[in-house]
PDB file of N, CA and C in Angstrom:
ATOM      1  N   UNK A   1     360.070 252.577 133.125  1.00  0.00           N
ATOM      2  CA  UNK A   1     360.713 251.337 132.916  1.00  0.00           C
ATOM      3  C   UNK A   1     359.670 250.330 132.124  1.00  0.00           C
ATOM      4  N   UNK A   2     359.802 250.529 131.061  1.00  0.00           N
ATOM      5  CA  UNK A   2     358.808 249.756 130.056  1.00  0.00           C
ATOM      6  C   UNK A   2     359.458 248.122 130.036  1.00  0.00           C
ATOM      7  N   UNK A   3     360.768 248.312 130.000  1.00  0.00           N
ATOM      8  CA  UNK A   3     361.536 246.608 129.802  1.00  0.00           C
ATOM      9  C   UNK A   3     360.743 245.588 130.984  1.00  0.00           C
ATOM     10  N   UNK A   4     360.379 245.879 131.850  1.00  0.00           N
ATOM     11  CA  UNK A   4     360.258 244.837 132.882  1.00  0.00           C
ATOM     12  C   UNK A   4     358.776 244.002 132.438  1.00  0.00           C
ATOM     13  N   UNK A   5     357.778 245.172 132.457  1.00  0.00           N
ATOM     14  CA  UNK A   5     356.367 244.426 131.840  1.00  0.00           C
ATOM     15  C   UNK A   5     356.655 243.488 130.415  1.00  0.00           C
ATOM     16  N   UNK A   6     357.257 244.176 129.467  1.00  0.00           N
ATOM     17  CA  UNK A   6     357.703 243.235 128.181  1.00  0.00           C
ATOM     18  C   UNK A   6     358.486 242.130 128.190  1.00  0.00           C
ATOM     19  N   UNK A   7     359.385 242.111 129.398  1.00  0.00           N
ATOM     20  CA  UNK A   7     360.080 240.938 129.650  1.00  0.00           C
ATOM     21  C   UNK A   7     358.935 239.591 130.022  1.00  0.00           C
ATOM     22  N   UNK A   8     357.965 240.025 131.157  1.00  0.00           N
ATOM     23  CA  UNK A   8     357.163 239.412 131.625  1.00  0.00           C
ATOM     24  C   UNK A   8     356.279 238.919 130.512  1.00  0.00           C
ATOM     25  N   UNK A   9     355.453 239.699 129.598  1.00  0.00           N
ATOM     26  CA  UNK A   9     354.845 239.369 128.551  1.00  0.00           C
ATOM     27  C   UNK A   9     355.789 238.021 127.611  1.00  0.00           C
ATOM     28  N   UNK A  10     357.126 238.379 127.537  1.00  0.00           N
ATOM     29  CA  UNK A  10     357.728 237.455 126.761  1.00  0.00           C
ATOM     30  C   UNK A  10     357.958 235.940 127.401  1.00  0.00           C
ATOM     31  N   UNK A  11     358.237 236.166 128.798  1.00  0.00           N
ATOM     32  CA  UNK A  11     358.116 234.797 129.615  1.00  0.00           C
ATOM     33  C   UNK A  11     357.035 234.323 129.452  1.00  0.00           C
ATOM     34  N   UNK A  12     355.851 235.074 129.591  1.00  0.00           N
ATOM     35  CA  UNK A  12     354.436 234.273 130.027  1.00  0.00           C
ATOM     36  C   UNK A  12     354.040 233.293 128.378  1.00  0.00           C
ATOM     37  N   UNK A  13     354.381 234.454 127.164  1.00  0.00           N
ATOM     38  CA  UNK A  13     354.136 233.740 125.805  1.00  0.00           C
ATOM     39  C   UNK A  13     355.100 232.412 125.667  1.00  0.00           C
ATOM     40  N   UNK A  14     356.115 232.187 126.018  1.00  0.00           N
ATOM     41  CA  UNK A  14     356.787 231.026 126.020  1.00  0.00           C
ATOM     42  C   UNK A  14     356.592 229.959 126.967  1.00  0.00           C
ATOM     43  N   UNK A  15     356.207 230.491 127.798  1.00  0.00           N
ATOM     44  CA  UNK A  15     355.226 229.429 128.920  1.00  0.00           C
ATOM     45  C   UNK A  15     354.201 229.065 128.358  1.00  0.00           C
ATOM     46  N   UNK A  16     353.311 229.896 127.954  1.00  0.00           N
ATOM     47  CA  UNK A  16     352.092 229.240 127.328  1.00  0.00           C
ATOM     48  C   UNK A  16     352.216 228.546 126.139  1.00  0.00           C
ATOM     49  N   UNK A  17     353.273 228.680 125.131  1.00  0.00           N
ATOM     50  CA  UNK A  17     353.509 228.059 123.812  1.00  0.00           C
ATOM     51  C   UNK A  17     353.915 226.615 124.423  1.00  0.00           C
ATOM     52  N   UNK A  18     354.875 226.583 125.751  1.00  0.00           N
ATOM     53  CA  UNK A  18     355.399 225.244 125.849  1.00  0.00           C
ATOM     54  C   UNK A  18     354.488 224.398 126.380  1.00  0.00           C
ATOM     55  N   UNK A  19     353.411 225.143 127.094  1.00  0.00           N
ATOM     56  CA  UNK A  19     352.437 224.174 127.909  1.00  0.00           C
ATOM     57  C   UNK A  19     351.352 223.582 126.926  1.00  0.00           C
ATOM     58  N   UNK A  20     351.364 224.552 125.532  1.00  0.00           N
ATOM     59  CA  UNK A  20     350.182 223.891 124.831  1.00  0.00           C
ATOM     60  C   UNK A  20     350.845 222.734 123.967  1.00  0.00           C
ATOM     61  N   UNK A  21     352.212 222.531 123.751  1.00  0.00           N
ATOM     62  CA  UNK A  21     352.919 221.576 123.296  1.00  0.00           C
ATOM     63  C   UNK A  21     352.755 220.165 124.045  1.00  0.00           C
ATOM     64  N   UNK A  22     352.264 220.433 125.542  1.00  0.00           N
ATOM     65  CA  UNK A  22     352.392 219.266 126.206  1.00  0.00           C
ATOM     66  C   UNK A  22     350.910 218.326 126.198  1.00  0.00           C
ATOM     67  N   UNK A  23     349.969 219.300 125.619  1.00  0.00           N
ATOM     68  CA  UNK A  23     348.843 218.621 125.396  1.00  0.00           C
ATOM     69  C   UNK A  23     347.695 218.985 126.480  1.00  0.00           C
ATOM     70  N   UNK A  24     346.482 218.665 126.339  1.00  0.00           N
ATOM     71  CA  UNK A  24     345.354 219.084 126.986  1.00  0.00           C
ATOM     72  C   UNK A  24     345.671 219.230 128.351  1.00  0.00           C
ATOM     73  N   UNK A  25     345.699 218.156 129.180  1.00  0.00           N
ATOM     74  CA  UNK A  25     345.692 218.191 130.163  1.00  0.00           C
ATOM     75  C   UNK A  25     346.974 219.445 131.091  1.00  0.00           C
ATOM     76  N   UNK A  26     348.054 219.569 130.487  1.00  0.00           N
ATOM     77  CA  UNK A  26     349.032 220.859 130.622  1.00  0.00           C
ATOM     78  C   UNK A  26     348.193 221.908 130.493  1.00  0.00           C
ATOM     79  N   UNK A  27     347.729 222.102 129.560  1.00  0.00           N
ATOM     80  CA  UNK A  27     346.962 223.329 129.229  1.00  0.00           C
ATOM     81  C   UNK A  27     345.779 223.617 130.214  1.00  0.00           C
ATOM     82  N   UNK A  28     345.052 222.770 130.458  1.00  0.00           N
ATOM     83  CA  UNK A  28     343.986 222.950 131.198  1.00  0.00           C
ATOM     84  C   UNK A  28     344.581 223.491 132.605  1.00  0.00           C
ATOM     85  N   UNK A  29     345.671 222.623 133.304  1.00  0.00           N
ATOM     86  CA  UNK A  29     345.890 223.039 134.599  1.00  0.00           C
ATOM     87  C   UNK A  29     346.692 224.258 134.587  1.00  0.00           C
ATOM     88  N   UNK A  30     347.250 224.916 133.454  1.00  0.00           N
ATOM     89  CA  UNK A  30     347.916 226.055 133.544  1.00  0.00           C
ATOM     90  C   UNK A  30     346.746 227.347 133.413  1.00  0.00           C
ATOM     91  N   UNK A  31     345.506 226.833 132.977  1.00  0.00           N
ATOM     92  CA  UNK A  31     344.295 227.943 132.650  1.00  0.00           C
ATOM     93  C   UNK A  31     343.911 227.780 134.017  1.00  0.00           C
ATOM     94  N   UNK A  32     343.848 226.452 134.994  1.00  0.00           N
ATOM     95  CA  UNK A  32     343.356 226.728 136.219  1.00  0.00           C
ATOM     96  C   UNK A  32     344.008 227.454 137.260  1.00  0.00           C
ATOM     97  N   UNK A  33     345.690 227.311 136.744  1.00  0.00           N
ATOM     98  CA  UNK A  33     346.406 228.162 137.715  1.00  0.00           C
ATOM     99  C   UNK A  33     346.090 229.405 137.577  1.00  0.00           C
ATOM    100  N   UNK A  34     346.072 229.993 136.089  1.00  0.00           N
ATOM    101  CA  UNK A  34     345.877 231.586 135.961  1.00  0.00           C
ATOM    102  C   UNK A  34     344.741 232.105 136.378  1.00  0.00           C
ATOM    103  N   UNK A  35     343.658 231.399 136.401  1.00  0.00           N
ATOM    104  CA  UNK A  35     342.148 231.565 136.955  1.00  0.00           C
ATOM    105  C   UNK A  35     342.301 231.775 138.708  1.00  0.00           C
ATOM    106  N   UNK A  36     342.893 231.030 139.075  1.00  0.00           N
ATOM    107  CA  UNK A  36     343.303 231.233 140.705  1.00  0.00           C
ATOM    108  C   UNK A  36     344.076 232.211 140.981  1.00  0.00           C
ATOM    109  N   UNK A  37     345.069 232.531 140.164  1.00  0.00           N
ATOM    110  CA  UNK A  37     345.714 233.883 140.393  1.00  0.00           C
ATOM    111  C   UNK A  37     345.259 235.116 140.126  1.00  0.00           C
ATOM    112  N   UNK A  38     344.333 234.956 139.355  1.00  0.00           N
ATOM    113  CA  UNK A  38     343.319 236.236 139.291  1.00  0.00           C
ATOM    114  C   UNK A  38     342.623 236.648 139.870  1.00  0.00           C
ATOM    115  N   UNK A  39     342.135 235.572 140.577  1.00  0.00           N
ATOM    116  CA  UNK A  39     341.155 235.562 141.640  1.00  0.00           C
ATOM    117  C   UNK A  39     342.029 235.895 143.052  1.00  0.00           C
ATOM    118  N   UNK A  40     342.787 235.881 143.045  1.00  0.00           N
ATOM    119  CA  UNK A  40     343.674 236.268 144.369  1.00  0.00           C
ATOM    120  C   UNK A  40     343.804 234.970 145.242  1.00  0.00           C
ATOM    121  N   UNK A  41     343.472 233.955 145.095  1.00  0.00           N
ATOM    122  CA  UNK A  41     343.382 233.255 146.284  1.00  0.00           C
ATOM    123  C   UNK A  41     344.331 232.632 146.716  1.00  0.00           C
TER     124      UNK A  41
END
């Protein structure tokens, strides 16, 4: 099922693009959240 990973990629790209438009603070918060998620905390 290739569709599910591709769907998540599209959603993630749109989310990142939207957050980047909101400014530096929102972008920083997203990056922190992604780092925490990668660590599994």
